[in-house]
């Protein structure tokens, strides 16, 4: 496999491929429940190149053709490559879900979730707790890869382990690589860590070293807040790419910065508040177009604090934005905000 070099600041790395498409730069939007729907993915895609993964899809709900789930695996006509993340604890159900995606041409890439640390998932032995069950983990991954039959690439996203006394990532990474996944992504925290503390980037380097003989790319995830963080992760760990989650919340333009950074170009300036408000309004409009005004406005509420972080916005307006019910109401509130403010980088 050839290597790709992007700019003087980035080491050589294995290319990420989805079919005939090369993901360049090697930047992936982390799947986030209630966040990475069609509207948010569109905002990110418009900002820069990369791979944009759907919200986590439950394999059983897909097999049962739950209406909401089928909508979640419906992509915009211009969205390519289409990427779905599947969650499941049963190899047979996972395989059937993969077959549905492949035979019905519902996605171009499948990511498997072994990284969710939420207790309601891990208590059932799923998410980031599942790799501890070595045989079950191997069976699920192998079943998915076999069901994809080489027609759609399958990748794995996981955490270091349950806690620091029960680390699983090296063995799980080897297992996934040996059965033919396209890459392994590691969030450098344990289940117990949740999102606290500092991500353990050296563990990404250890996994990269472990999988190097197998030729399987490794992606790093955790504490990428800026383009500089992404470059530093690649340099320090040797990762073949990065997965960005919380760092892009309220900042979908981060992907444009990542493109520039990986290509060695000057970074675009951070947007002023009036530009941020325009993005927020467009986000709301896209949500309403997809889900209707009532649900769309309800969904945009959780994004308000992320978009407005660091800006001077009167508290009564912030509170009202948290209960906004219509686009007209949103417009009225946004018009009361002084948009002549620089982005706060502190």
Protein backbone atom coordinates (compact mmCIF):
# COMPACT_ATOMS: atom_id res chain seq x y z
CA UNK A 1 0.00 0.00 0.00
CA UNK A 2 1.38 3.41 -0.91
CA UNK A 3 1.79 6.20 1.56
CA UNK A 4 0.62 9.79 1.33
CA UNK A 5 2.52 12.81 2.58
CA UNK A 6 0.74 16.09 3.22
CA UNK A 7 2.91 19.08 4.05
CA UNK A 8 6.14 19.36 5.98
CA UNK A 9 4.49 19.14 9.40
CA UNK A 10 2.81 15.77 8.83
CA UNK A 11 4.58 12.41 8.81
CA UNK A 12 3.91 9.81 6.15
CA UNK A 13 0.81 7.78 6.88
CA UNK A 14 -1.31 5.03 5.42
CA UNK A 15 -4.15 6.38 3.28
CA UNK A 16 -7.76 6.00 4.40
CA UNK A 17 -9.89 4.58 1.63
CA UNK A 18 -13.64 4.16 1.24
CA UNK A 19 -14.01 2.22 -1.97
CA UNK A 20 -12.26 4.22 -4.66
CA UNK A 21 -12.33 7.40 -2.57
CA UNK A 22 -9.31 8.47 -0.54
CA UNK A 23 -10.24 10.40 2.61
CA UNK A 24 -7.90 13.35 2.26
CA UNK A 25 -7.14 14.88 4.65
CA UNK A 26 -7.56 11.84 6.95
CA UNK A 27 -10.14 13.51 9.17
CA UNK A 28 -13.26 11.78 10.48
CA UNK A 29 -16.25 13.32 12.25
CA UNK A 30 -16.94 11.16 15.29
CA UNK A 31 -20.47 9.78 15.46
CA UNK A 32 -22.35 11.54 18.26
CA UNK A 33 -25.89 10.63 19.31
CA UNK A 34 -28.33 13.45 18.70
CA UNK A 35 -25.62 15.52 16.99
CA UNK A 36 -24.26 14.03 13.77
CA UNK A 37 -27.52 13.98 11.86
CA UNK A 38 -27.87 15.08 8.22
CA UNK A 39 -28.03 18.77 9.14
CA UNK A 40 -24.84 18.84 11.19
CA UNK A 41 -22.98 16.63 8.73
CA UNK A 42 -23.88 19.02 5.93
CA UNK A 43 -22.47 22.00 7.85
CA UNK A 44 -19.24 20.10 8.45
CA UNK A 45 -18.98 18.92 4.83
CA UNK A 46 -19.46 22.46 3.56
CA UNK A 47 -16.57 23.57 5.76
CA UNK A 48 -14.00 21.02 4.64
CA UNK A 49 -13.17 17.57 3.31
CA UNK A 50 -13.27 14.44 5.44
CA UNK A 51 -15.48 11.50 6.35
CA UNK A 52 -18.67 12.34 8.23
CA UNK A 53 -20.21 9.50 10.22
CA UNK A 54 -23.88 9.19 11.12
CA UNK A 55 -25.30 8.96 14.59
CA UNK A 56 -24.94 5.55 16.22
CA UNK A 57 -27.43 3.09 14.70
CA UNK A 58 -28.65 0.14 16.73
CA UNK A 59 -28.24 -2.97 14.60
CA UNK A 60 -31.38 -4.63 15.94
CA UNK A 61 -33.51 -1.57 15.21
CA UNK A 62 -32.14 -1.54 11.67
CA UNK A 63 -32.95 -5.22 11.18
CA UNK A 64 -36.45 -4.59 12.53
CA UNK A 65 -36.71 -1.59 10.18
CA UNK A 66 -37.67 0.84 12.88
CA UNK A 67 -38.97 3.98 11.14
CA UNK A 68 -36.71 6.44 12.96
CA UNK A 69 -33.70 4.20 12.42
CA UNK A 70 -34.35 3.88 8.69
CA UNK A 71 -34.46 7.67 8.49
CA UNK A 72 -31.08 7.84 10.24
CA UNK A 73 -29.54 5.69 7.50
CA UNK A 74 -31.03 7.90 4.78
CA UNK A 75 -28.44 10.31 3.42
CA UNK A 76 -28.64 13.50 1.41
CA UNK A 77 -28.33 12.99 -2.36
CA UNK A 78 -25.01 14.84 -2.47
CA UNK A 79 -23.50 13.16 0.60
CA UNK A 80 -20.53 11.02 -0.36
CA UNK A 81 -19.01 8.87 0.97
CA UNK A 82 -21.96 7.84 3.14
CA UNK A 83 -20.84 6.53 6.53
CA UNK A 84 -22.90 4.65 9.12
CA UNK A 85 -21.94 3.63 12.63
CA UNK A 86 -23.49 0.43 13.93
CA UNK A 87 -23.85 -0.71 17.53
CA UNK A 88 -24.75 -4.23 18.55
CA UNK A 89 -24.00 -7.12 20.92
CA UNK A 90 -25.17 -10.05 18.78
CA UNK A 91 -22.99 -11.29 15.89
CA UNK A 92 -25.95 -12.60 13.89
CA UNK A 93 -27.96 -9.40 14.21
CA UNK A 94 -24.90 -7.32 13.39
CA UNK A 95 -24.26 -9.40 10.28
CA UNK A 96 -27.86 -9.01 9.13
CA UNK A 97 -27.70 -5.24 9.68
CA UNK A 98 -24.52 -5.07 7.59
CA UNK A 99 -26.16 -7.13 4.83
CA UNK A 100 -29.09 -4.69 4.73
CA UNK A 101 -26.74 -1.74 4.36
CA UNK A 102 -24.69 -3.45 1.66
CA UNK A 103 -27.41 -5.10 -0.43
CA UNK A 104 -29.70 -2.06 -0.31
CA UNK A 105 -26.81 0.34 -1.02
CA UNK A 106 -27.50 2.43 2.07
CA UNK A 107 -23.90 3.43 2.86
CA UNK A 108 -20.36 3.35 1.53
CA UNK A 109 -18.66 2.72 4.88
CA UNK A 110 -19.59 1.02 8.13
CA UNK A 111 -18.01 1.87 11.47
CA UNK A 112 -18.60 -0.38 14.48
CA UNK A 113 -19.12 1.15 17.90
CA UNK A 114 -17.02 -0.30 20.69
CA UNK A 115 -16.32 3.08 22.26
CA UNK A 116 -19.56 4.33 23.80
CA UNK A 117 -18.97 4.78 27.57
CA UNK A 118 -22.57 5.61 28.52
CA UNK A 119 -23.69 3.41 31.46
CA UNK A 120 -27.01 2.38 29.88
CA UNK A 121 -24.95 0.84 27.06
CA UNK A 122 -22.01 -0.59 29.02
CA UNK A 123 -24.23 -2.09 31.74
CA UNK A 124 -25.58 -4.40 29.03
CA UNK A 125 -22.04 -5.35 28.06
CA UNK A 126 -22.05 -3.20 24.93
CA UNK A 127 -20.08 -0.21 23.69
CA UNK A 128 -16.68 0.23 25.29
CA UNK A 129 -17.28 -2.71 27.66
CA UNK A 130 -17.68 -5.27 24.90
CA UNK A 131 -13.99 -5.81 23.93
CA UNK A 132 -13.45 -7.30 27.40
CA UNK A 133 -15.51 -10.24 26.12
CA UNK A 134 -12.78 -11.28 23.71
CA UNK A 135 -14.59 -14.08 21.92
CA UNK A 136 -17.79 -12.10 21.48
CA UNK A 137 -15.87 -9.07 20.22
CA UNK A 138 -14.00 -11.20 17.68
CA UNK A 139 -17.23 -12.86 16.56
CA UNK A 140 -19.07 -9.56 16.06
CA UNK A 141 -16.27 -7.95 14.09
CA UNK A 142 -15.64 -11.04 11.95
CA UNK A 143 -19.37 -11.43 11.25
CA UNK A 144 -19.63 -7.81 10.11
CA UNK A 145 -16.57 -8.03 7.84
CA UNK A 146 -17.79 -11.28 6.29
CA UNK A 147 -21.29 -9.88 5.75
CA UNK A 148 -19.83 -6.81 4.03
CA UNK A 149 -18.11 -9.25 1.65
CA UNK A 150 -15.54 -6.70 0.56
CA UNK A 151 -18.21 -4.46 -0.97
CA UNK A 152 -18.18 -1.90 1.86
CA UNK A 153 -15.21 -1.20 4.15
CA UNK A 154 -15.75 -1.87 7.85
CA UNK A 155 -13.84 -0.07 10.60
CA UNK A 156 -13.80 -0.19 14.39
CA UNK A 157 -13.88 2.59 16.98
CA UNK A 158 -13.03 1.70 20.57
CA UNK A 159 -11.60 2.91 23.88
CA UNK A 160 -8.56 1.75 25.84
CA UNK A 161 -10.59 -0.54 28.05
CA UNK A 162 -13.02 -0.61 30.95
CA UNK A 163 -10.58 1.03 33.35
CA UNK A 164 -6.81 1.23 33.79
CA UNK A 165 -6.74 -2.27 35.32
CA UNK A 166 -8.73 -3.77 32.43
CA UNK A 167 -7.16 -2.50 29.21
CA UNK A 168 -8.27 -4.21 26.01
CA UNK A 169 -7.23 -1.97 23.13
CA UNK A 170 -4.06 -3.71 22.00
CA UNK A 171 -5.55 -7.19 21.81
CA UNK A 172 -8.85 -5.89 20.40
CA UNK A 173 -6.95 -3.88 17.80
CA UNK A 174 -4.97 -6.94 16.71
CA UNK A 175 -8.12 -9.02 16.52
CA UNK A 176 -9.94 -6.45 14.39
CA UNK A 177 -6.95 -5.98 12.09
CA UNK A 178 -6.52 -9.71 11.53
CA UNK A 179 -10.14 -10.19 10.43
CA UNK A 180 -9.79 -7.41 7.87
CA UNK A 181 -11.12 -4.10 9.15
CA UNK A 182 -10.10 -1.06 7.12
CA UNK A 183 -8.85 0.88 10.14
CA UNK A 184 -9.03 1.04 13.91
CA UNK A 185 -9.86 4.29 15.72
CA UNK A 186 -8.91 4.69 19.37
CA UNK A 187 -10.38 7.18 21.81
CA UNK A 188 -7.50 7.40 24.23
CA UNK A 189 -9.58 7.12 27.40
CA UNK A 190 -11.18 4.24 29.29
CA UNK A 191 -14.86 3.68 29.95
CA UNK A 192 -14.32 4.79 33.54
CA UNK A 193 -12.67 8.01 32.36
CA UNK A 194 -15.75 8.98 30.32
CA UNK A 195 -14.56 12.40 29.03
CA UNK A 196 -12.60 13.52 32.06
CA UNK A 197 -8.91 14.26 32.41
CA UNK A 198 -6.48 14.32 29.52
CA UNK A 199 -6.58 11.81 26.67
CA UNK A 200 -3.69 9.34 26.81
CA UNK A 201 -2.18 9.96 23.37
CA UNK A 202 0.79 7.61 24.00
CA UNK A 203 -1.70 4.74 23.91
CA UNK A 204 -2.49 5.69 20.30
CA UNK A 205 1.22 5.44 19.53
CA UNK A 206 1.34 2.00 21.17
CA UNK A 207 -1.60 0.78 19.11
CA UNK A 208 -0.03 2.17 15.93
CA UNK A 209 3.17 0.26 16.71
CA UNK A 210 1.16 -2.89 17.44
CA UNK A 211 -0.75 -2.81 14.15
CA UNK A 212 2.07 -1.57 11.91
CA UNK A 213 3.15 -5.11 10.90
CA UNK A 214 -0.44 -5.83 9.82
CA UNK A 215 -0.66 -2.68 7.68
CA UNK A 216 -3.87 -1.48 9.35
CA UNK A 217 -4.22 2.30 9.74
CA UNK A 218 -4.81 3.69 13.22
CA UNK A 219 -6.80 6.85 13.89
CA UNK A 220 -6.52 8.88 17.07
CA UNK A 221 -9.39 10.43 18.99
CA UNK A 222 -9.49 12.57 22.12
CA UNK A 223 -8.77 16.22 22.96
CA UNK A 224 -8.59 17.57 19.42
CA UNK A 225 -9.89 21.10 19.91
CA UNK A 226 -7.92 22.87 17.18
CA UNK A 227 -6.15 22.12 13.92
CA UNK A 228 -2.85 22.43 15.78
CA UNK A 229 -4.00 19.65 18.15
CA UNK A 230 -4.65 17.38 15.18
CA UNK A 231 -1.19 17.91 13.71
CA UNK A 232 0.41 17.43 17.12
CA UNK A 233 -1.46 14.16 17.64
CA UNK A 234 -0.26 12.81 14.29
CA UNK A 235 3.30 13.89 15.02
CA UNK A 236 3.40 12.51 18.56
CA UNK A 237 1.61 9.23 17.90
CA UNK A 238 2.24 8.39 14.26
CA UNK A 239 -1.53 8.07 13.77
CA UNK A 240 -2.74 7.79 10.19
CA UNK A 241 -5.59 10.21 10.82
CA UNK A 242 -7.76 11.84 13.45
CA UNK A 243 -11.33 11.51 14.68
CA UNK A 244 -12.89 14.75 15.89
CA UNK A 245 -15.82 14.78 18.31
CA UNK A 246 -16.50 17.42 20.95
CA UNK A 247 -14.03 19.86 19.40
CA UNK A 248 -16.40 20.64 16.54
CA UNK A 249 -19.52 21.19 18.64
CA UNK A 250 -20.65 24.71 17.82
CA UNK A 251 -17.65 24.91 15.47
CA UNK A 252 -18.38 22.98 12.24
CA UNK A 253 -15.89 25.27 10.48
CA UNK A 254 -13.11 23.41 12.34
CA UNK A 255 -13.00 21.00 9.40
CA UNK A 256 -11.92 23.80 7.08
CA UNK A 257 -9.07 24.54 9.49
CA UNK A 258 -8.12 20.87 9.53
CA UNK A 259 -7.95 20.74 5.74
CA UNK A 260 -5.64 23.76 5.69
CA UNK A 261 -3.46 22.38 8.47
CA UNK A 262 -2.94 18.98 6.86
CA UNK A 263 -2.11 20.62 3.53
CA UNK A 264 0.34 23.02 5.14
CA UNK A 265 -1.73 26.08 4.17
CA UNK A 266 -2.37 29.12 6.39
CA UNK A 267 -5.35 28.61 8.68
CA UNK A 268 -8.50 30.62 7.95
CA UNK A 269 -9.32 33.18 10.67
CA UNK A 270 -11.79 32.20 13.35
CA UNK A 271 -15.23 33.65 12.54
CA UNK A 272 -16.59 36.74 14.18
CA UNK A 273 -19.85 36.47 16.08
CA UNK A 274 -22.00 37.68 13.17
CA UNK A 275 -20.63 34.77 11.09
CA UNK A 276 -21.23 32.34 13.95
CA UNK A 277 -24.83 33.53 14.23
CA UNK A 278 -25.29 32.98 10.50
CA UNK A 279 -24.03 29.39 10.89
CA UNK A 280 -26.28 28.82 13.89
CA UNK A 281 -29.30 30.09 11.89
CA UNK A 282 -28.43 27.86 8.94
CA UNK A 283 -28.07 24.88 11.28
CA UNK A 284 -31.57 25.52 12.62
CA UNK A 285 -32.97 25.90 9.11
CA UNK A 286 -31.45 22.59 8.00
CA UNK A 287 -32.87 20.83 11.07
CA UNK A 288 -36.32 22.27 10.43
CA UNK A 289 -36.14 21.24 6.78
CA UNK A 290 -35.41 17.67 7.83
CA UNK A 291 -37.64 17.27 10.88
CA UNK A 292 -40.22 20.04 10.76
CA UNK A 293 -40.12 23.34 12.62
CA UNK A 294 -41.22 22.04 16.01
CA UNK A 295 -38.68 19.24 16.26
CA UNK A 296 -35.98 21.20 14.43
CA UNK A 297 -36.17 24.16 16.81
CA UNK A 298 -36.24 21.84 19.78
CA UNK A 299 -33.08 20.14 18.48
CA UNK A 300 -31.13 23.37 17.87
CA UNK A 301 -31.55 24.42 21.51
CA UNK A 302 -28.79 22.11 22.74
CA UNK A 303 -26.34 23.72 20.31
CA UNK A 304 -26.82 27.28 21.57
CA UNK A 305 -24.26 27.19 24.38
CA UNK A 306 -21.66 25.64 22.09
CA UNK A 307 -22.09 28.26 19.38
CA UNK A 308 -22.15 31.19 21.80
CA UNK A 309 -19.38 30.08 24.14
CA UNK A 310 -17.00 32.95 24.87
CA UNK A 311 -19.18 35.66 23.35
CA UNK A 312 -20.98 38.43 25.20
CA UNK A 313 -24.66 37.60 24.99
CA UNK A 314 -27.16 39.01 27.53
CA UNK A 315 -28.39 36.31 29.87
CA UNK A 316 -32.11 36.85 29.12
CA UNK A 317 -31.40 36.23 25.43
CA UNK A 318 -29.39 33.11 26.22
CA UNK A 319 -32.27 31.81 28.32
CA UNK A 320 -34.81 32.54 25.58
CA UNK A 321 -32.65 30.82 22.97
CA UNK A 322 -32.79 27.72 25.17
CA UNK A 323 -36.57 27.56 24.70
CA UNK A 324 -36.88 28.82 21.11
CA UNK A 325 -39.88 27.28 19.33
CA UNK A 326 -39.96 28.81 15.83
CA UNK A 327 -37.53 30.14 13.27
CA UNK A 328 -39.23 33.54 13.49
CA UNK A 329 -38.59 33.61 17.24
CA UNK A 330 -34.99 32.58 16.62
CA UNK A 331 -34.52 35.40 14.11
CA UNK A 332 -35.95 37.93 16.56
CA UNK A 333 -33.55 36.82 19.31
CA UNK A 334 -30.47 36.69 17.08
CA UNK A 335 -31.20 40.22 15.86
CA UNK A 336 -30.79 41.46 19.45
CA UNK A 337 -27.22 40.13 19.73
CA UNK A 338 -24.27 42.40 18.96
CA UNK A 339 -22.46 40.47 16.24
CA UNK A 340 -19.48 42.81 16.20
CA UNK A 341 -17.33 40.57 18.39
CA UNK A 342 -14.15 38.65 17.68
CA UNK A 343 -13.96 34.93 18.34
CA UNK A 344 -12.69 34.18 21.84
CA UNK A 345 -9.74 31.80 21.49
CA UNK A 346 -8.94 31.64 25.21
